[in-house]
Amino acid sequence: MTAKAAARKAKGNRAEFYRRSMQVLQNANIPFLIAGAGAVRFYTGVSRQTKDFDLHLRPHHIDGALDAFAHAGYKTEKTFPHWLAKAKRGRNCVDLIFRAGNGLCEVDDSWFERAQDEDVLGVTVKLSAPEDMLWMKAYIMERERYDGADVAHILESCAEKLNWPHLLRRFGPDWRLLLSHLVLFGYIYPSERGRVPVAIMDALISRLRNENSVSGSDRLCRGTLLSREQYLWDVEERGFRDARLEKRAHMNEGDIAHWTKAIAKETRRKKRAGEIPHPK
């Protein structure tokens, strides 16, 4: 078999895996949304190959989804109980995402209310709304993975379609993060700056100008909401308080320890797969 033929066969196998996985959930009457690379491709046209198939589910549907997949012959696990479960079959995997890895962005009813219907591989499903995709991806700034390009592509492709007041509400106290992505968008696409509503930029810049400086002994580090590894020094050695332990983040100290311990394992896996180059 030639390399091209093998690649076509693998692509066909993945497509069948995706189709079967969607049907498993539909047959079990478990609502889900297409997320990840599939949704990004639909909204932006940007395509990338991945063995994982990302779906968004409400937290209270995760156990039922895992039972359905197990009954269908998949190997299942609740990989990180605060945000992610997996269902595997062969070399392919379904990621069942119900929050972001930082404990924020919980999938709730509003995600489904804003979702849109689409045909995916002959199956009628719902796609996560671009605002929700952008919101969740905005926080991913790891050393080995940065989703800012996805955010920029969603903005470039969907700026006129976005519900900007809703997006502003989504970010809430993290409005500085939204502003940073909008500023970066204007840098990446100078000709497209005007597509971000002036009222939104004015409102965010006004907040920035009027923001009071924080003083006192309670030093908070929100870097851990962006990267699980790169700000550990701040919270473990430098006396900063971990923002993941705030009430709005669905994480406790046990979740953080489990999420941190997995860094080394994930790095080794990516090095074996060639996703991270070995140091020379």
C-alpha atoms as a PDB file:
ATOM      1  CA  MET A   1       0.000   0.000   0.000  1.00  0.00           C
ATOM      2  CA  THR A   2       1.372   3.412  -0.962  1.00  0.00           C
ATOM      3  CA  ALA A   3       1.707   6.236   1.554  1.00  0.00           C
ATOM      4  CA  LYS A   4      -1.141   8.135  -0.113  1.00  0.00           C
ATOM      5  CA  ALA A   5      -3.398   5.090  -0.035  1.00  0.00           C
ATOM      6  CA  ALA A   6      -2.576   4.518   3.640  1.00  0.00           C
ATOM      7  CA  ALA A   7      -3.365   8.153   4.419  1.00  0.00           C
ATOM      8  CA  ARG A   8      -6.714   7.886   2.615  1.00  0.00           C
ATOM      9  CA  LYS A   9      -7.557   4.716   4.519  1.00  0.00           C
ATOM     10  CA  ALA A  10      -6.654   6.329   7.856  1.00  0.00           C
ATOM     11  CA  LYS A  11      -8.773   9.369   7.015  1.00  0.00           C
ATOM     12  CA  GLY A  12     -11.695   7.109   6.120  1.00  0.00           C
ATOM     13  CA  ASN A  13     -11.289   5.172   9.356  1.00  0.00           C
ATOM     14  CA  ARG A  14     -11.307   8.404  11.362  1.00  0.00           C
ATOM     15  CA  ALA A  15     -14.433   9.611   9.582  1.00  0.00           C
ATOM     16  CA  GLU A  16     -16.213   6.350  10.358  1.00  0.00           C
ATOM     17  CA  PHE A  17     -15.057   6.589  13.981  1.00  0.00           C
ATOM     18  CA  TYR A  18     -16.419  10.130  14.259  1.00  0.00           C
ATOM     19  CA  ARG A  19     -19.743   9.097  12.706  1.00  0.00           C
ATOM     20  CA  ARG A  20     -20.107   6.078  14.956  1.00  0.00           C
ATOM     21  CA  SER A  21     -19.247   8.112  18.063  1.00  0.00           C
ATOM     22  CA  MET A  22     -21.903  10.718  17.312  1.00  0.00           C
ATOM     23  CA  GLN A  23     -24.478   8.001  16.750  1.00  0.00           C
ATOM     24  CA  VAL A  24     -23.603   6.323  20.069  1.00  0.00           C
ATOM     25  CA  LEU A  25     -24.531   9.500  21.917  1.00  0.00           C
ATOM     26  CA  GLN A  26     -27.606  10.191  19.820  1.00  0.00           C
ATOM     27  CA  ASN A  27     -28.903   6.657  20.381  1.00  0.00           C
ATOM     28  CA  ALA A  28     -28.456   7.198  24.121  1.00  0.00           C
ATOM     29  CA  ASN A  29     -30.310  10.562  23.937  1.00  0.00           C
ATOM     30  CA  ILE A  30     -27.304  12.440  25.298  1.00  0.00           C
ATOM     31  CA  PRO A  31     -27.020  16.003  23.927  1.00  0.00           C
ATOM     32  CA  PHE A  32     -23.610  17.093  22.680  1.00  0.00           C
ATOM     33  CA  LEU A  33     -21.978  19.813  20.607  1.00  0.00           C
ATOM     34  CA  ILE A  34     -19.213  19.546  18.035  1.00  0.00           C
ATOM     35  CA  ALA A  35     -16.138  21.366  19.374  1.00  0.00           C
ATOM     36  CA  GLY A  36     -12.404  21.550  18.713  1.00  0.00           C
ATOM     37  CA  ALA A  37     -10.916  21.311  15.242  1.00  0.00           C
ATOM     38  CA  GLY A  38     -14.266  20.352  13.683  1.00  0.00           C
ATOM     39  CA  ALA A  39     -16.007  23.521  14.821  1.00  0.00           C
ATOM     40  CA  VAL A  40     -12.998  25.715  14.001  1.00  0.00           C
ATOM     41  CA  ARG A  41     -12.914  24.279  10.477  1.00  0.00           C
ATOM     42  CA  PHE A  42     -16.613  25.004   9.998  1.00  0.00           C
ATOM     43  CA  TYR A  43     -16.369  28.616  11.150  1.00  0.00           C
ATOM     44  CA  THR A  44     -12.967  29.540   9.689  1.00  0.00           C
ATOM     45  CA  GLY A  45     -12.088  27.069   6.959  1.00  0.00           C
ATOM     46  CA  VAL A  46      -8.811  26.321   8.767  1.00  0.00           C
ATOM     47  CA  SER A  47      -8.259  22.562   8.812  1.00  0.00           C
ATOM     48  CA  ARG A  48      -5.848  20.423  10.800  1.00  0.00           C
ATOM     49  CA  GLN A  49      -5.538  16.705  11.271  1.00  0.00           C
ATOM     50  CA  THR A  50      -6.184  15.246  14.691  1.00  0.00           C
ATOM     51  CA  LYS A  51      -6.871  11.777  16.067  1.00  0.00           C
ATOM     52  CA  ASP A  52      -9.049  13.216  18.816  1.00  0.00           C
ATOM     53  CA  PHE A  53     -12.685  14.167  18.305  1.00  0.00           C
ATOM     54  CA  ASP A  54     -13.757  16.969  20.636  1.00  0.00           C
ATOM     55  CA  LEU A  55     -17.321  17.195  21.910  1.00  0.00           C
ATOM     56  CA  HIS A  56     -18.889  19.538  24.457  1.00  0.00           C
ATOM     57  CA  LEU A  57     -21.315  18.046  26.993  1.00  0.00           C
ATOM     58  CA  ARG A  58     -23.005  19.300  30.133  1.00  0.00           C
ATOM     59  CA  PRO A  59     -21.237  18.007  33.275  1.00  0.00           C
ATOM     60  CA  HIS A  60     -24.239  15.976  34.423  1.00  0.00           C
ATOM     61  CA  HIS A  61     -24.296  14.035  31.139  1.00  0.00           C
ATOM     62  CA  ILE A  62     -20.713  12.780  31.337  1.00  0.00           C
ATOM     63  CA  ASP A  63     -21.392   9.590  33.300  1.00  0.00           C
ATOM     64  CA  GLY A  64     -24.232   8.631  30.963  1.00  0.00           C
ATOM     65  CA  ALA A  65     -22.020   9.276  27.939  1.00  0.00           C
ATOM     66  CA  LEU A  66     -19.239   7.094  29.339  1.00  0.00           C
ATOM     67  CA  ASP A  67     -21.745   4.299  30.021  1.00  0.00           C
ATOM     68  CA  ALA A  68     -23.041   4.534  26.445  1.00  0.00           C
ATOM     69  CA  PHE A  69     -19.543   4.372  24.974  1.00  0.00           C
ATOM     70  CA  ALA A  70     -18.530   1.498  27.237  1.00  0.00           C
ATOM     71  CA  HIS A  71     -21.624  -0.433  26.149  1.00  0.00           C
ATOM     72  CA  ALA A  72     -20.601   0.215  22.520  1.00  0.00           C
ATOM     73  CA  GLY A  73     -17.170  -1.312  23.087  1.00  0.00           C
ATOM     74  CA  TYR A  74     -15.093   1.800  23.753  1.00  0.00           C
ATOM     75  CA  LYS A  75     -12.502   2.049  26.508  1.00  0.00           C
ATOM     76  CA  THR A  76     -13.560   4.916  28.759  1.00  0.00           C
ATOM     77  CA  GLU A  77     -12.010   7.025  31.492  1.00  0.00           C
ATOM     78  CA  LYS A  78     -12.701  10.191  33.434  1.00  0.00           C
ATOM     79  CA  THR A  79      -9.232  11.552  32.702  1.00  0.00           C
ATOM     80  CA  PHE A  80      -9.520  14.761  34.715  1.00  0.00           C
ATOM     81  CA  PRO A  81     -12.715  14.790  36.796  1.00  0.00           C
ATOM     82  CA  HIS A  82     -12.890  18.586  36.838  1.00  0.00           C
ATOM     83  CA  TRP A  83     -13.105  19.002  33.039  1.00  0.00           C
ATOM     84  CA  LEU A  84     -12.407  16.023  30.723  1.00  0.00           C
ATOM     85  CA  ALA A  85     -13.388  12.419  30.022  1.00  0.00           C
ATOM     86  CA  LYS A  86     -12.315  10.189  27.129  1.00  0.00           C
ATOM     87  CA  ALA A  87     -13.710   7.313  25.098  1.00  0.00           C
ATOM     88  CA  LYS A  88     -11.177   5.402  23.007  1.00  0.00           C
ATOM     89  CA  ARG A  89     -11.418   2.849  20.253  1.00  0.00           C
ATOM     90  CA  GLY A  90      -8.199   1.686  18.662  1.00  0.00           C
ATOM     91  CA  ARG A  91      -5.972   4.679  17.979  1.00  0.00           C
ATOM     92  CA  ASN A  92      -8.870   7.146  17.891  1.00  0.00           C
ATOM     93  CA  CYS A  93     -10.325   9.026  20.814  1.00  0.00           C
ATOM     94  CA  VAL A  94     -13.394  11.089  21.717  1.00  0.00           C
ATOM     95  CA  ASP A  95     -12.684  13.931  24.137  1.00  0.00           C
ATOM     96  CA  LEU A  96     -15.771  14.703  26.225  1.00  0.00           C
ATOM     97  CA  ILE A  97     -15.213  18.280  27.405  1.00  0.00           C
ATOM     98  CA  PHE A  98     -17.487  19.838  30.001  1.00  0.00           C
ATOM     99  CA  ARG A  99     -15.267  22.711  31.187  1.00  0.00           C
ATOM    100  CA  ALA A 100     -11.929  24.255  30.360  1.00  0.00           C
ATOM    101  CA  GLY A 101      -8.841  22.752  31.975  1.00  0.00           C
ATOM    102  CA  ASN A 102      -8.622  25.774  34.285  1.00  0.00           C
ATOM    103  CA  GLY A 103     -12.040  25.014  35.784  1.00  0.00           C
ATOM    104  CA  LEU A 104     -13.806  27.860  33.962  1.00  0.00           C
ATOM    105  CA  CYS A 105     -16.102  27.948  30.905  1.00  0.00           C
ATOM    106  CA  GLU A 106     -18.532  25.291  32.124  1.00  0.00           C
ATOM    107  CA  VAL A 107     -20.808  23.928  29.402  1.00  0.00           C
ATOM    108  CA  ASP A 108     -24.369  24.782  30.408  1.00  0.00           C
ATOM    109  CA  ASP A 109     -27.796  25.168  28.808  1.00  0.00           C
ATOM    110  CA  SER A 110     -26.860  28.460  27.138  1.00  0.00           C
ATOM    111  CA  TRP A 111     -24.258  26.658  25.021  1.00  0.00           C
ATOM    112  CA  PHE A 112     -27.011  24.534  23.503  1.00  0.00           C
ATOM    113  CA  GLU A 113     -29.389  27.470  23.103  1.00  0.00           C
ATOM    114  CA  ARG A 114     -26.787  29.292  21.005  1.00  0.00           C
ATOM    115  CA  ALA A 115     -25.600  26.263  19.022  1.00  0.00           C
ATOM    116  CA  GLN A 116     -26.460  25.833  15.352  1.00  0.00           C
ATOM    117  CA  ASP A 117     -27.480  22.737  13.413  1.00  0.00           C
ATOM    118  CA  GLU A 118     -25.104  21.311  10.843  1.00  0.00           C
ATOM    119  CA  ASP A 119     -24.591  18.123   8.840  1.00  0.00           C
ATOM    120  CA  VAL A 120     -21.354  16.399   9.849  1.00  0.00           C
ATOM    121  CA  LEU A 121     -20.501  13.222   7.956  1.00  0.00           C
ATOM    122  CA  GLY A 122     -24.171  12.666   7.221  1.00  0.00           C
ATOM    123  CA  VAL A 123     -25.246  13.125  10.847  1.00  0.00           C
ATOM    124  CA  THR A 124     -27.327  16.134  11.889  1.00  0.00           C
ATOM    125  CA  VAL A 125     -25.635  17.633  14.938  1.00  0.00           C
ATOM    126  CA  LYS A 126     -25.136  20.956  16.708  1.00  0.00           C
ATOM    127  CA  LEU A 127     -21.949  23.017  16.664  1.00  0.00           C
ATOM    128  CA  SER A 128     -20.714  25.051  19.625  1.00  0.00           C
ATOM    129  CA  ALA A 129     -21.328  28.743  18.920  1.00  0.00           C
ATOM    130  CA  PRO A 130     -18.295  30.798  17.839  1.00  0.00           C
ATOM    131  CA  GLU A 131     -18.576  32.984  20.948  1.00  0.00           C
ATOM    132  CA  ASP A 132     -18.258  29.933  23.209  1.00  0.00           C
ATOM    133  CA  MET A 133     -15.401  28.492  21.154  1.00  0.00           C
ATOM    134  CA  LEU A 134     -13.562  31.808  21.335  1.00  0.00           C
ATOM    135  CA  TRP A 135     -14.184  32.128  25.082  1.00  0.00           C
ATOM    136  CA  MET A 136     -12.767  28.702  25.926  1.00  0.00           C
ATOM    137  CA  LYS A 137      -9.808  28.958  23.548  1.00  0.00           C
ATOM    138  CA  ALA A 138      -8.810  32.415  24.783  1.00  0.00           C
ATOM    139  CA  TYR A 139      -7.379  30.897  27.984  1.00  0.00           C
ATOM    140  CA  ILE A 140      -5.102  28.315  26.328  1.00  0.00           C
ATOM    141  CA  MET A 141      -1.571  29.723  26.457  1.00  0.00           C
ATOM    142  CA  GLU A 142       0.659  26.799  27.331  1.00  0.00           C
ATOM    143  CA  ARG A 143       4.311  26.661  26.299  1.00  0.00           C
ATOM    144  CA  GLU A 144       3.550  23.799  23.909  1.00  0.00           C
ATOM    145  CA  ARG A 145       0.044  24.885  22.888  1.00  0.00           C
ATOM    146  CA  TYR A 146      -1.354  28.331  22.193  1.00  0.00           C
ATOM    147  CA  ASP A 147      -4.866  28.740  20.787  1.00  0.00           C
ATOM    148  CA  GLY A 148      -4.561  32.453  20.051  1.00  0.00           C
ATOM    149  CA  ALA A 149      -4.428  31.728  16.324  1.00  0.00           C
ATOM    150  CA  ASP A 150      -7.812  29.971  16.560  1.00  0.00           C
ATOM    151  CA  VAL A 151      -9.188  33.015  18.379  1.00  0.00           C
ATOM    152  CA  ALA A 152      -7.839  35.340  15.682  1.00  0.00           C
ATOM    153  CA  HIS A 153      -9.242  33.158  12.893  1.00  0.00           C
ATOM    154  CA  ILE A 154     -12.677  33.043  14.552  1.00  0.00           C
ATOM    155  CA  LEU A 155     -12.644  36.829  14.861  1.00  0.00           C
ATOM    156  CA  GLU A 156     -11.542  37.253  11.252  1.00  0.00           C
ATOM    157  CA  SER A 157     -14.212  34.872   9.968  1.00  0.00           C
ATOM    158  CA  CYS A 158     -17.122  35.702  12.270  1.00  0.00           C
ATOM    159  CA  ALA A 159     -16.714  39.286  13.545  1.00  0.00           C
ATOM    160  CA  GLU A 160     -20.009  40.517  12.063  1.00  0.00           C
ATOM    161  CA  LYS A 161     -21.909  37.452  13.314  1.00  0.00           C
ATOM    162  CA  LEU A 162     -20.715  37.543  16.914  1.00  0.00           C
ATOM    163  CA  ASN A 163     -22.998  38.578  19.738  1.00  0.00           C
ATOM    164  CA  TRP A 164     -20.525  41.006  21.255  1.00  0.00           C
ATOM    165  CA  PRO A 165     -22.478  41.884  24.430  1.00  0.00           C
ATOM    166  CA  HIS A 166     -22.818  38.146  25.117  1.00  0.00           C
ATOM    167  CA  LEU A 167     -19.078  37.672  24.560  1.00  0.00           C
ATOM    168  CA  LEU A 168     -18.326  40.506  26.955  1.00  0.00           C
ATOM    169  CA  ARG A 169     -20.541  38.863  29.575  1.00  0.00           C
ATOM    170  CA  ARG A 170     -18.831  35.518  29.010  1.00  0.00           C
ATOM    171  CA  PHE A 171     -15.427  36.910  29.926  1.00  0.00           C
ATOM    172  CA  GLY A 172     -16.778  38.769  32.975  1.00  0.00           C
ATOM    173  CA  PRO A 173     -13.889  39.608  35.325  1.00  0.00           C
ATOM    174  CA  ASP A 174     -11.438  38.347  32.696  1.00  0.00           C
ATOM    175  CA  TRP A 175     -12.274  41.196  30.307  1.00  0.00           C
ATOM    176  CA  ARG A 176      -8.555  42.103  30.119  1.00  0.00           C
ATOM    177  CA  LEU A 177      -7.974  38.738  28.419  1.00  0.00           C
ATOM    178  CA  LEU A 178     -10.598  39.546  25.782  1.00  0.00           C
ATOM    179  CA  LEU A 179      -9.058  42.979  25.242  1.00  0.00           C
ATOM    180  CA  SER A 180      -5.620  41.441  24.783  1.00  0.00           C
ATOM    181  CA  HIS A 181      -6.925  39.138  22.040  1.00  0.00           C
ATOM    182  CA  LEU A 182      -8.709  42.016  20.310  1.00  0.00           C
ATOM    183  CA  VAL A 183      -5.550  44.140  20.368  1.00  0.00           C
ATOM    184  CA  LEU A 184      -3.575  41.204  18.977  1.00  0.00           C
ATOM    185  CA  PHE A 185      -6.223  40.688  16.282  1.00  0.00           C
ATOM    186  CA  GLY A 186      -5.690  44.264  15.107  1.00  0.00           C
ATOM    187  CA  TYR A 187      -1.972  43.611  14.935  1.00  0.00           C
ATOM    188  CA  ILE A 188      -2.352  40.354  12.997  1.00  0.00           C
ATOM    189  CA  TYR A 189      -4.918  41.750  10.548  1.00  0.00           C
ATOM    190  CA  PRO A 190      -4.397  45.544  10.301  1.00  0.00           C
ATOM    191  CA  SER A 191      -6.972  45.856   7.517  1.00  0.00           C
ATOM    192  CA  GLU A 192      -9.645  44.133   9.651  1.00  0.00           C
ATOM    193  CA  ARG A 193      -9.413  46.240  12.820  1.00  0.00           C
ATOM    194  CA  GLY A 194     -12.624  48.088  12.020  1.00  0.00           C
ATOM    195  CA  ARG A 195     -14.634  44.873  12.153  1.00  0.00           C
ATOM    196  CA  VAL A 196     -14.437  44.858  15.950  1.00  0.00           C
ATOM    197  CA  PRO A 197     -17.239  47.193  17.079  1.00  0.00           C
ATOM    198  CA  VAL A 198     -15.939  50.561  18.237  1.00  0.00           C
ATOM    199  CA  ALA A 199     -18.345  50.458  21.184  1.00  0.00           C
ATOM    200  CA  ILE A 200     -16.783  47.215  22.449  1.00  0.00           C
ATOM    201  CA  MET A 201     -13.217  48.518  22.170  1.00  0.00           C
ATOM    202  CA  ASP A 202     -14.219  51.827  23.798  1.00  0.00           C
ATOM    203  CA  ALA A 203     -15.934  50.009  26.677  1.00  0.00           C
ATOM    204  CA  LEU A 204     -12.903  47.785  27.330  1.00  0.00           C
ATOM    205  CA  ILE A 205     -10.367  50.611  27.048  1.00  0.00           C
ATOM    206  CA  SER A 206     -12.532  52.730  29.347  1.00  0.00           C
ATOM    207  CA  ARG A 207     -12.426  49.925  31.926  1.00  0.00           C
ATOM    208  CA  LEU A 208      -8.667  49.820  31.564  1.00  0.00           C
ATOM    209  CA  ARG A 209      -8.314  53.558  32.096  1.00  0.00           C
ATOM    210  CA  ASN A 210     -10.632  53.596  35.107  1.00  0.00           C
ATOM    211  CA  GLU A 211      -9.360  50.451  36.777  1.00  0.00           C
ATOM    212  CA  ASN A 212      -8.083  51.001  40.279  1.00  0.00           C
ATOM    213  CA  SER A 213      -4.668  49.674  41.122  1.00  0.00           C
ATOM    214  CA  VAL A 214      -4.764  46.678  43.440  1.00  0.00           C
ATOM    215  CA  SER A 215      -3.025  47.050  46.765  1.00  0.00           C
ATOM    216  CA  GLY A 216      -2.756  45.000  49.907  1.00  0.00           C
ATOM    217  CA  SER A 217      -1.221  41.697  50.913  1.00  0.00           C
ATOM    218  CA  ASP A 218      -3.497  39.410  48.871  1.00  0.00           C
ATOM    219  CA  ARG A 219      -1.410  38.786  45.780  1.00  0.00           C
ATOM    220  CA  LEU A 220      -3.375  36.911  43.118  1.00  0.00           C
ATOM    221  CA  CYS A 221      -1.878  35.139  40.090  1.00  0.00           C
ATOM    222  CA  ARG A 222      -4.279  34.529  37.207  1.00  0.00           C
ATOM    223  CA  GLY A 223      -1.479  33.095  35.089  1.00  0.00           C
ATOM    224  CA  THR A 224      -2.543  29.622  36.211  1.00  0.00           C
ATOM    225  CA  LEU A 225      -5.813  30.166  34.327  1.00  0.00           C
ATOM    226  CA  LEU A 226      -3.735  30.446  31.140  1.00  0.00           C
ATOM    227  CA  SER A 227      -1.077  27.786  31.716  1.00  0.00           C
ATOM    228  CA  ARG A 228      -1.012  24.939  34.214  1.00  0.00           C
ATOM    229  CA  GLU A 229       2.818  24.858  34.210  1.00  0.00           C
ATOM    230  CA  GLN A 230       4.384  28.228  33.528  1.00  0.00           C
ATOM    231  CA  TYR A 231       3.117  30.005  36.666  1.00  0.00           C
ATOM    232  CA  LEU A 232       3.597  27.204  39.194  1.00  0.00           C
ATOM    233  CA  TRP A 233       6.681  28.966  40.518  1.00  0.00           C
ATOM    234  CA  ASP A 234       4.550  31.987  41.391  1.00  0.00           C
ATOM    235  CA  VAL A 235       1.985  30.048  43.432  1.00  0.00           C
ATOM    236  CA  GLU A 236       4.341  27.452  44.913  1.00  0.00           C
ATOM    237  CA  GLU A 237       7.395  29.565  45.738  1.00  0.00           C
ATOM    238  CA  ARG A 238       6.610  33.269  45.460  1.00  0.00           C
ATOM    239  CA  GLY A 239       3.528  33.542  47.650  1.00  0.00           C
ATOM    240  CA  PHE A 240       0.938  34.353  44.979  1.00  0.00           C
ATOM    241  CA  ARG A 241      -2.577  33.015  45.423  1.00  0.00           C
ATOM    242  CA  ASP A 242      -3.719  30.556  42.737  1.00  0.00           C
ATOM    243  CA  ALA A 243      -6.747  31.945  40.843  1.00  0.00           C
ATOM    244  CA  ARG A 244      -7.898  28.382  40.193  1.00  0.00           C
ATOM    245  CA  LEU A 245      -8.921  28.187  43.859  1.00  0.00           C
ATOM    246  CA  GLU A 246     -11.357  31.072  43.518  1.00  0.00           C
ATOM    247  CA  LYS A 247     -15.016  30.119  43.864  1.00  0.00           C
ATOM    248  CA  ARG A 248     -15.815  30.655  40.166  1.00  0.00           C
ATOM    249  CA  ALA A 249     -13.293  28.004  39.061  1.00  0.00           C
ATOM    250  CA  HIS A 250     -14.509  24.427  39.493  1.00  0.00           C
ATOM    251  CA  MET A 251     -11.221  23.128  40.899  1.00  0.00           C
ATOM    252  CA  ASN A 252      -9.928  22.147  44.309  1.00  0.00           C
ATOM    253  CA  GLU A 253      -6.418  21.446  45.535  1.00  0.00           C
ATOM    254  CA  GLY A 254      -6.757  17.775  44.576  1.00  0.00           C
ATOM    255  CA  ASP A 255      -7.779  18.667  41.026  1.00  0.00           C
ATOM    256  CA  ILE A 256      -4.844  21.059  40.728  1.00  0.00           C
ATOM    257  CA  ALA A 257      -2.399  18.423  42.013  1.00  0.00           C
ATOM    258  CA  HIS A 258      -3.745  15.843  39.536  1.00  0.00           C
ATOM    259  CA  TRP A 259      -3.653  18.352  36.644  1.00  0.00           C
ATOM    260  CA  THR A 260      -0.080  19.368  37.564  1.00  0.00           C
ATOM    261  CA  LYS A 261       1.183  15.804  37.954  1.00  0.00           C
ATOM    262  CA  ALA A 262       0.006  15.035  34.412  1.00  0.00           C
ATOM    263  CA  ILE A 263       2.346  17.656  32.884  1.00  0.00           C
ATOM    264  CA  ALA A 264       5.376  15.342  32.833  1.00  0.00           C
ATOM    265  CA  LYS A 265       3.398  12.418  31.395  1.00  0.00           C
ATOM    266  CA  GLU A 266       1.878  14.590  28.673  1.00  0.00           C
ATOM    267  CA  THR A 267       5.292  16.032  27.767  1.00  0.00           C
ATOM    268  CA  ARG A 268       6.783  12.550  27.416  1.00  0.00           C
ATOM    269  CA  ARG A 269       3.879  11.459  25.223  1.00  0.00           C
ATOM    270  CA  LYS A 270       4.225  14.441  22.923  1.00  0.00           C
ATOM    271  CA  LYS A 271       7.977  13.937  22.610  1.00  0.00           C
ATOM    272  CA  ARG A 272       7.430  10.307  21.602  1.00  0.00           C
ATOM    273  CA  ALA A 273       4.865  11.437  19.029  1.00  0.00           C
ATOM    274  CA  GLY A 274       7.246  14.096  17.696  1.00  0.00           C
ATOM    275  CA  GLU A 275       4.924  16.932  18.697  1.00  0.00           C
ATOM    276  CA  ILE A 276       7.674  18.423  20.903  1.00  0.00           C
ATOM    277  CA  PRO A 277      11.252  18.287  19.574  1.00  0.00           C
ATOM    278  CA  HIS A 278      13.864  16.666  21.778  1.00  0.00           C
ATOM    279  CA  PRO A 279      16.518  19.106  23.007  1.00  0.00           C
ATOM    280  CA  LYS A 280      19.755  18.906  21.040  1.00  0.00           C
END
